[in-house]
């Protein structure tokens, strides 16, 4: 089930990521959920939602990183 808005995301996302990173996560999750509906397109035994979460976190990590305090901050370009 795709996420319509950031507020619908899991708490581990909304409680830790800044709003812009949540948007990246949501859009990547929704895209991956559509893209990996066929089990043959996924790695190993991962289900559709697990695959979408992995893709979404990878997308966030492209633009954000944890700082010394453990907070997610935008990477310097």
PDB file of N, CA and C in Angstrom:
ATOM      1  N   UNK A   1       0.828  -1.176   0.000  1.00  0.00           N
ATOM      2  CA  UNK A   1       0.000   0.000   0.000  1.00  0.00           C
ATOM      3  C   UNK A   1       0.883   1.254   0.000  1.00  0.00           C
ATOM      4  N   UNK A   2       0.822   2.025  -1.040  1.00  0.00           N
ATOM      5  CA  UNK A   2       1.632   3.243  -1.136  1.00  0.00           C
ATOM      6  C   UNK A   2       1.251   4.273  -0.076  1.00  0.00           C
ATOM      7  N   UNK A   3       2.191   5.123   0.224  1.00  0.00           N
ATOM      8  CA  UNK A   3       1.981   6.193   1.199  1.00  0.00           C
ATOM      9  C   UNK A   3       1.567   7.461   0.473  1.00  0.00           C
ATOM     10  N   UNK A   4       0.437   8.044   0.865  1.00  0.00           N
ATOM     11  CA  UNK A   4      -0.064   9.257   0.220  1.00  0.00           C
ATOM     12  C   UNK A   4       0.621  10.517   0.727  1.00  0.00           C
ATOM     13  N   UNK A   5       1.032  10.495   1.984  1.00  0.00           N
ATOM     14  CA  UNK A   5       1.663  11.683   2.576  1.00  0.00           C
ATOM     15  C   UNK A   5       2.668  11.249   3.627  1.00  0.00           C
ATOM     16  N   UNK A   6       3.562  12.159   3.969  1.00  0.00           N
ATOM     17  CA  UNK A   6       4.621  11.823   4.917  1.00  0.00           C
ATOM     18  C   UNK A   6       4.080  11.378   6.271  1.00  0.00           C
ATOM     19  N   UNK A   7       2.980  11.938   6.681  1.00  0.00           N
ATOM     20  CA  UNK A   7       2.397  11.571   7.987  1.00  0.00           C
ATOM     21  C   UNK A   7       1.985  10.106   8.032  1.00  0.00           C
ATOM     22  N   UNK A   8       1.814   9.488   6.893  1.00  0.00           N
ATOM     23  CA  UNK A   8       1.419   8.074   6.840  1.00  0.00           C
ATOM     24  C   UNK A   8       2.598   7.114   6.971  1.00  0.00           C
ATOM     25  N   UNK A   9       3.813   7.637   6.899  1.00  0.00           N
ATOM     26  CA  UNK A   9       5.019   6.800   6.958  1.00  0.00           C
ATOM     27  C   UNK A   9       5.167   6.151   8.339  1.00  0.00           C
ATOM     28  N   UNK A  10       5.932   5.066   8.426  1.00  0.00           N
ATOM     29  CA  UNK A  10       6.176   4.431   9.730  1.00  0.00           C
ATOM     30  C   UNK A  10       6.856   5.405  10.699  1.00  0.00           C
ATOM     31  N   UNK A  11       6.600   5.203  11.967  1.00  0.00           N
ATOM     32  CA  UNK A  11       7.151   6.097  13.001  1.00  0.00           C
ATOM     33  C   UNK A  11       8.675   6.148  12.987  1.00  0.00           C
ATOM     34  N   UNK A  12       9.334   5.027  12.677  1.00  0.00           N
ATOM     35  CA  UNK A  12      10.794   5.031  12.654  1.00  0.00           C
ATOM     36  C   UNK A  12      11.323   5.955  11.561  1.00  0.00           C
ATOM     37  N   UNK A  13      10.492   6.307  10.614  1.00  0.00           N
ATOM     38  CA  UNK A  13      10.867   7.271   9.578  1.00  0.00           C
ATOM     39  C   UNK A  13      10.503   8.687  10.041  1.00  0.00           C
ATOM     40  N   UNK A  14       9.258   8.886  10.425  1.00  0.00           N
ATOM     41  CA  UNK A  14       8.806  10.235  10.795  1.00  0.00           C
ATOM     42  C   UNK A  14       9.468  10.757  12.066  1.00  0.00           C
ATOM     43  N   UNK A  15       9.828   9.869  12.968  1.00  0.00           N
ATOM     44  CA  UNK A  15      10.448  10.297  14.227  1.00  0.00           C
ATOM     45  C   UNK A  15      11.922  10.659  14.078  1.00  0.00           C
ATOM     46  N   UNK A  16      12.553  10.268  12.964  1.00  0.00           N
ATOM     47  CA  UNK A  16      13.996  10.446  12.860  1.00  0.00           C
ATOM     48  C   UNK A  16      14.464  11.266  11.664  1.00  0.00           C
ATOM     49  N   UNK A  17      13.674  11.301  10.603  1.00  0.00           N
ATOM     50  CA  UNK A  17      14.123  12.005   9.407  1.00  0.00           C
ATOM     51  C   UNK A  17      13.498  13.394   9.304  1.00  0.00           C
ATOM     52  N   UNK A  18      14.261  14.367   8.793  1.00  0.00           N
ATOM     53  CA  UNK A  18      13.674  15.683   8.517  1.00  0.00           C
ATOM     54  C   UNK A  18      12.604  15.556   7.418  1.00  0.00           C
ATOM     55  N   UNK A  19      11.754  16.541   7.310  1.00  0.00           N
ATOM     56  CA  UNK A  19      10.621  16.496   6.378  1.00  0.00           C
ATOM     57  C   UNK A  19      11.051  16.198   4.943  1.00  0.00           C
ATOM     58  N   UNK A  20      12.075  16.863   4.452  1.00  0.00           N
ATOM     59  CA  UNK A  20      12.517  16.646   3.067  1.00  0.00           C
ATOM     60  C   UNK A  20      13.013  15.208   2.874  1.00  0.00           C
ATOM     61  N   UNK A  21      13.704  14.669   3.838  1.00  0.00           N
ATOM     62  CA  UNK A  21      14.169  13.283   3.754  1.00  0.00           C
ATOM     63  C   UNK A  21      12.981  12.318   3.797  1.00  0.00           C
ATOM     64  N   UNK A  22      11.946  12.665   4.538  1.00  0.00           N
ATOM     65  CA  UNK A  22      10.736  11.847   4.567  1.00  0.00           C
ATOM     66  C   UNK A  22      10.081  11.805   3.185  1.00  0.00           C
ATOM     67  N   UNK A  23      10.099  12.936   2.499  1.00  0.00           N
ATOM     68  CA  UNK A  23       9.528  12.995   1.159  1.00  0.00           C
ATOM     69  C   UNK A  23      10.321  12.109   0.199  1.00  0.00           C
ATOM     70  N   UNK A  24      11.639  12.168   0.291  1.00  0.00           N
ATOM     71  CA  UNK A  24      12.491  11.299  -0.527  1.00  0.00           C
ATOM     72  C   UNK A  24      12.150   9.840  -0.237  1.00  0.00           C
ATOM     73  N   UNK A  25      12.060   9.498   1.034  1.00  0.00           N
ATOM     74  CA  UNK A  25      11.745   8.131   1.450  1.00  0.00           C
ATOM     75  C   UNK A  25      10.398   7.693   0.866  1.00  0.00           C
ATOM     76  N   UNK A  26       9.385   8.539   1.037  1.00  0.00           N
ATOM     77  CA  UNK A  26       8.024   8.209   0.577  1.00  0.00           C
ATOM     78  C   UNK A  26       7.980   7.979  -0.928  1.00  0.00           C
ATOM     79  N   UNK A  27       8.581   8.877  -1.676  1.00  0.00           N
ATOM     80  CA  UNK A  27       8.553   8.749  -3.137  1.00  0.00           C
ATOM     81  C   UNK A  27       9.329   7.519  -3.604  1.00  0.00           C
ATOM     82  N   UNK A  28      10.471   7.261  -2.988  1.00  0.00           N
ATOM     83  CA  UNK A  28      11.259   6.084  -3.354  1.00  0.00           C
ATOM     84  C   UNK A  28      10.522   4.803  -2.971  1.00  0.00           C
ATOM     85  N   UNK A  29       9.903   4.791  -1.803  1.00  0.00           N
ATOM     86  CA  UNK A  29       9.155   3.610  -1.345  1.00  0.00           C
ATOM     87  C   UNK A  29       8.012   3.308  -2.312  1.00  0.00           C
ATOM     88  N   UNK A  30       7.246   4.330  -2.642  1.00  0.00           N
ATOM     89  CA  UNK A  30       6.109   4.129  -3.544  1.00  0.00           C
ATOM     90  C   UNK A  30       6.563   3.625  -4.909  1.00  0.00           C
ATOM     91  N   UNK A  31       7.629   4.178  -5.424  1.00  0.00           N
ATOM     92  CA  UNK A  31       8.150   3.755  -6.712  1.00  0.00           C
ATOM     93  C   UNK A  31       8.630   2.306  -6.672  1.00  0.00           C
ATOM     94  N   UNK A  32       9.381   1.968  -5.632  1.00  0.00           N
ATOM     95  CA  UNK A  32       9.903   0.603  -5.494  1.00  0.00           C
ATOM     96  C   UNK A  32       8.775  -0.403  -5.268  1.00  0.00           C
ATOM     97  N   UNK A  33       7.757   0.001  -4.541  1.00  0.00           N
ATOM     98  CA  UNK A  33       6.623  -0.893  -4.290  1.00  0.00           C
ATOM     99  C   UNK A  33       5.960  -1.268  -5.611  1.00  0.00           C
ATOM    100  N   UNK A  34       5.857  -0.309  -6.515  1.00  0.00           N
ATOM    101  CA  UNK A  34       5.306  -0.585  -7.842  1.00  0.00           C
ATOM    102  C   UNK A  34       6.275  -1.403  -8.692  1.00  0.00           C
ATOM    103  N   UNK A  35       7.535  -1.022  -8.653  1.00  0.00           N
ATOM    104  CA  UNK A  35       8.543  -1.637  -9.514  1.00  0.00           C
ATOM    105  C   UNK A  35       8.800  -3.109  -9.166  1.00  0.00           C
ATOM    106  N   UNK A  36       8.749  -3.458  -7.886  1.00  0.00           N
ATOM    107  CA  UNK A  36       9.110  -4.803  -7.448  1.00  0.00           C
ATOM    108  C   UNK A  36       7.901  -5.660  -7.059  1.00  0.00           C
ATOM    109  N   UNK A  37       6.789  -5.486  -7.755  1.00  0.00           N
ATOM    110  CA  UNK A  37       5.614  -6.305  -7.440  1.00  0.00           C
ATOM    111  C   UNK A  37       5.809  -7.761  -7.838  1.00  0.00           C
ATOM    112  N   UNK A  38       6.644  -8.006  -8.842  1.00  0.00           N
ATOM    113  CA  UNK A  38       6.937  -9.372  -9.285  1.00  0.00           C
ATOM    114  C   UNK A  38       8.062  -9.954  -8.414  1.00  0.00           C
ATOM    115  N   UNK A  39       7.815 -11.058  -7.716  1.00  0.00           N
ATOM    116  CA  UNK A  39       8.835 -11.650  -6.846  1.00  0.00           C
ATOM    117  C   UNK A  39      10.145 -11.980  -7.565  1.00  0.00           C
ATOM    118  N   UNK A  40      10.083 -12.250  -8.852  1.00  0.00           N
ATOM    119  CA  UNK A  40      11.300 -12.559  -9.607  1.00  0.00           C
ATOM    120  C   UNK A  40      12.226 -11.353  -9.735  1.00  0.00           C
ATOM    121  N   UNK A  41      11.698 -10.159  -9.505  1.00  0.00           N
ATOM    122  CA  UNK A  41      12.502  -8.934  -9.590  1.00  0.00           C
ATOM    123  C   UNK A  41      13.200  -8.589  -8.281  1.00  0.00           C
ATOM    124  N   UNK A  42      12.879  -9.320  -7.209  1.00  0.00           N
ATOM    125  CA  UNK A  42      13.453  -9.043  -5.889  1.00  0.00           C
ATOM    126  C   UNK A  42      14.603  -9.983  -5.585  1.00  0.00           C
ATOM    127  N   UNK A  43      15.452  -9.566  -4.657  1.00  0.00           N
ATOM    128  CA  UNK A  43      16.587 -10.393  -4.233  1.00  0.00           C
ATOM    129  C   UNK A  43      16.169 -11.356  -3.133  1.00  0.00           C
ATOM    130  N   UNK A  44      16.623 -12.549  -3.227  1.00  0.00           N
ATOM    131  CA  UNK A  44      16.399 -13.543  -2.171  1.00  0.00           C
ATOM    132  C   UNK A  44      14.942 -13.721  -1.828  1.00  0.00           C
ATOM    133  N   UNK A  45      14.680 -13.808  -0.524  1.00  0.00           N
ATOM    134  CA  UNK A  45      13.327 -14.041  -0.025  1.00  0.00           C
ATOM    135  C   UNK A  45      12.609 -12.763   0.376  1.00  0.00           C
ATOM    136  N   UNK A  46      13.170 -11.610   0.041  1.00  0.00           N
ATOM    137  CA  UNK A  46      12.580 -10.340   0.464  1.00  0.00           C
ATOM    138  C   UNK A  46      11.178 -10.172  -0.116  1.00  0.00           C
ATOM    139  N   UNK A  47      10.247  -9.732   0.729  1.00  0.00           N
ATOM    140  CA  UNK A  47       8.909  -9.469   0.222  1.00  0.00           C
ATOM    141  C   UNK A  47       8.861  -8.056  -0.369  1.00  0.00           C
ATOM    142  N   UNK A  48       7.739  -7.726  -0.929  1.00  0.00           N
ATOM    143  CA  UNK A  48       7.589  -6.457  -1.643  1.00  0.00           C
ATOM    144  C   UNK A  48       7.820  -5.252  -0.742  1.00  0.00           C
ATOM    145  N   UNK A  49       7.252  -5.270   0.456  1.00  0.00           N
ATOM    146  CA  UNK A  49       7.409  -4.140   1.378  1.00  0.00           C
ATOM    147  C   UNK A  49       8.847  -4.013   1.871  1.00  0.00           C
ATOM    148  N   UNK A  50       9.475  -5.124   2.202  1.00  0.00           N
ATOM    149  CA  UNK A  50      10.865  -5.095   2.657  1.00  0.00           C
ATOM    150  C   UNK A  50      11.771  -4.508   1.581  1.00  0.00           C
ATOM    151  N   UNK A  51      11.547  -4.918   0.355  1.00  0.00           N
ATOM    152  CA  UNK A  51      12.335  -4.389  -0.760  1.00  0.00           C
ATOM    153  C   UNK A  51      12.116  -2.897  -0.909  1.00  0.00           C
ATOM    154  N   UNK A  52      10.873  -2.459  -0.804  1.00  0.00           N
ATOM    155  CA  UNK A  52      10.566  -1.026  -0.915  1.00  0.00           C
ATOM    156  C   UNK A  52      11.241  -0.232   0.200  1.00  0.00           C
ATOM    157  N   UNK A  53      11.271  -0.759   1.426  1.00  0.00           N
ATOM    158  CA  UNK A  53      11.945  -0.074   2.533  1.00  0.00           C
ATOM    159  C   UNK A  53      13.449   0.019   2.280  1.00  0.00           C
ATOM    160  N   UNK A  54      14.045  -1.038   1.773  1.00  0.00           N
ATOM    161  CA  UNK A  54      15.484  -1.003   1.476  1.00  0.00           C
ATOM    162  C   UNK A  54      15.811   0.048   0.424  1.00  0.00           C
ATOM    163  N   UNK A  55      15.010   0.089  -0.621  1.00  0.00           N
ATOM    164  CA  UNK A  55      15.217   1.080  -1.680  1.00  0.00           C
ATOM    165  C   UNK A  55      15.037   2.491  -1.127  1.00  0.00           C
ATOM    166  N   UNK A  56      14.020   2.686  -0.313  1.00  0.00           N
ATOM    167  CA  UNK A  56      13.741   4.013   0.247  1.00  0.00           C
ATOM    168  C   UNK A  56      14.877   4.493   1.140  1.00  0.00           C
ATOM    169  N   UNK A  57      15.410   3.623   1.996  1.00  0.00           N
ATOM    170  CA  UNK A  57      16.529   4.020   2.853  1.00  0.00           C
ATOM    171  C   UNK A  57      17.766   4.318   2.017  1.00  0.00           C
ATOM    172  N   UNK A  58      17.987   3.565   0.969  1.00  0.00           N
ATOM    173  CA  UNK A  58      19.132   3.833   0.093  1.00  0.00           C
ATOM    174  C   UNK A  58      18.989   5.203  -0.557  1.00  0.00           C
ATOM    175  N   UNK A  59      17.782   5.562  -0.945  1.00  0.00           N
ATOM    176  CA  UNK A  59      17.543   6.878  -1.552  1.00  0.00           C
ATOM    177  C   UNK A  59      17.815   7.995  -0.549  1.00  0.00           C
ATOM    178  N   UNK A  60      17.379   7.815   0.679  1.00  0.00           N
ATOM    179  CA  UNK A  60      17.631   8.821   1.721  1.00  0.00           C
ATOM    180  C   UNK A  60      19.134   8.973   1.938  1.00  0.00           C
ATOM    181  N   UNK A  61      19.844   7.864   1.997  1.00  0.00           N
ATOM    182  CA  UNK A  61      21.285   7.900   2.270  1.00  0.00           C
ATOM    183  C   UNK A  61      22.092   8.533   1.141  1.00  0.00           C
ATOM    184  N   UNK A  62      21.485   8.676  -0.037  1.00  0.00           N
ATOM    185  CA  UNK A  62      22.148   9.387  -1.134  1.00  0.00           C
ATOM    186  C   UNK A  62      22.272  10.877  -0.818  1.00  0.00           C
ATOM    187  N   UNK A  63      21.289  11.427  -0.118  1.00  0.00           N
ATOM    188  CA  UNK A  63      21.246  12.868   0.135  1.00  0.00           C
ATOM    189  C   UNK A  63      21.458  13.246   1.599  1.00  0.00           C
ATOM    190  N   UNK A  64      21.303  12.296   2.515  1.00  0.00           N
ATOM    191  CA  UNK A  64      21.397  12.577   3.951  1.00  0.00           C
ATOM    192  C   UNK A  64      22.375  11.627   4.623  1.00  0.00           C
ATOM    193  N   UNK A  65      22.904  12.083   5.755  1.00  0.00           N
ATOM    194  CA  UNK A  65      23.781  11.252   6.572  1.00  0.00           C
ATOM    195  C   UNK A  65      23.558  11.614   8.031  1.00  0.00           C
ATOM    196  N   UNK A  66      23.976  10.742   8.910  1.00  0.00           N
ATOM    197  CA  UNK A  66      23.868  11.026  10.339  1.00  0.00           C
ATOM    198  C   UNK A  66      25.055  11.869  10.768  1.00  0.00           C
ATOM    199  N   UNK A  67      24.781  12.877  11.593  1.00  0.00           N
ATOM    200  CA  UNK A  67      25.874  13.697  12.120  1.00  0.00           C
ATOM    201  C   UNK A  67      26.403  13.071  13.409  1.00  0.00           C
ATOM    202  N   UNK A  68      27.323  13.760  14.076  1.00  0.00           N
ATOM    203  CA  UNK A  68      27.957  13.230  15.288  1.00  0.00           C
ATOM    204  C   UNK A  68      26.946  12.964  16.403  1.00  0.00           C
ATOM    205  N   UNK A  69      25.830  13.681  16.383  1.00  0.00           N
ATOM    206  CA  UNK A  69      24.788  13.496  17.405  1.00  0.00           C
ATOM    207  C   UNK A  69      23.770  12.421  17.021  1.00  0.00           C
ATOM    208  N   UNK A  70      23.940  11.838  15.825  1.00  0.00           N
ATOM    209  CA  UNK A  70      23.017  10.810  15.374  1.00  0.00           C
ATOM    210  C   UNK A  70      21.788  11.350  14.666  1.00  0.00           C
ATOM    211  N   UNK A  71      21.778  12.665  14.378  1.00  0.00           N
ATOM    212  CA  UNK A  71      20.669  13.267  13.654  1.00  0.00           C
ATOM    213  C   UNK A  71      20.914  13.189  12.148  1.00  0.00           C
ATOM    214  N   UNK A  72      19.860  13.012  11.375  1.00  0.00           N
ATOM    215  CA  UNK A  72      19.975  12.974   9.932  1.00  0.00           C
ATOM    216  C   UNK A  72      20.061  14.396   9.400  1.00  0.00           C
ATOM    217  N   UNK A  73      21.131  14.685   8.648  1.00  0.00           N
ATOM    218  CA  UNK A  73      21.361  16.004   8.063  1.00  0.00           C
ATOM    219  C   UNK A  73      21.691  15.845   6.585  1.00  0.00           C
ATOM    220  N   UNK A  74      21.399  16.887   5.837  1.00  0.00           N
ATOM    221  CA  UNK A  74      21.673  16.873   4.398  1.00  0.00           C
ATOM    222  C   UNK A  74      23.181  16.830   4.177  1.00  0.00           C
ATOM    223  N   UNK A  75      23.619  15.995   3.243  1.00  0.00           N
ATOM    224  CA  UNK A  75      25.036  15.898   2.911  1.00  0.00           C
ATOM    225  C   UNK A  75      25.488  17.184   2.230  1.00  0.00           C
ATOM    226  N   UNK A  76      26.720  17.550   2.487  1.00  0.00           N
ATOM    227  CA  UNK A  76      27.300  18.682   1.783  1.00  0.00           C
ATOM    228  C   UNK A  76      27.612  18.248   0.372  1.00  0.00           C
ATOM    229  N   UNK A  77      27.279  19.099  -0.574  1.00  0.00           N
ATOM    230  CA  UNK A  77      27.553  18.761  -1.984  1.00  0.00           C
ATOM    231  C   UNK A  77      28.972  18.984  -2.362  1.00  0.00           C
TER     232      UNK A  77
END
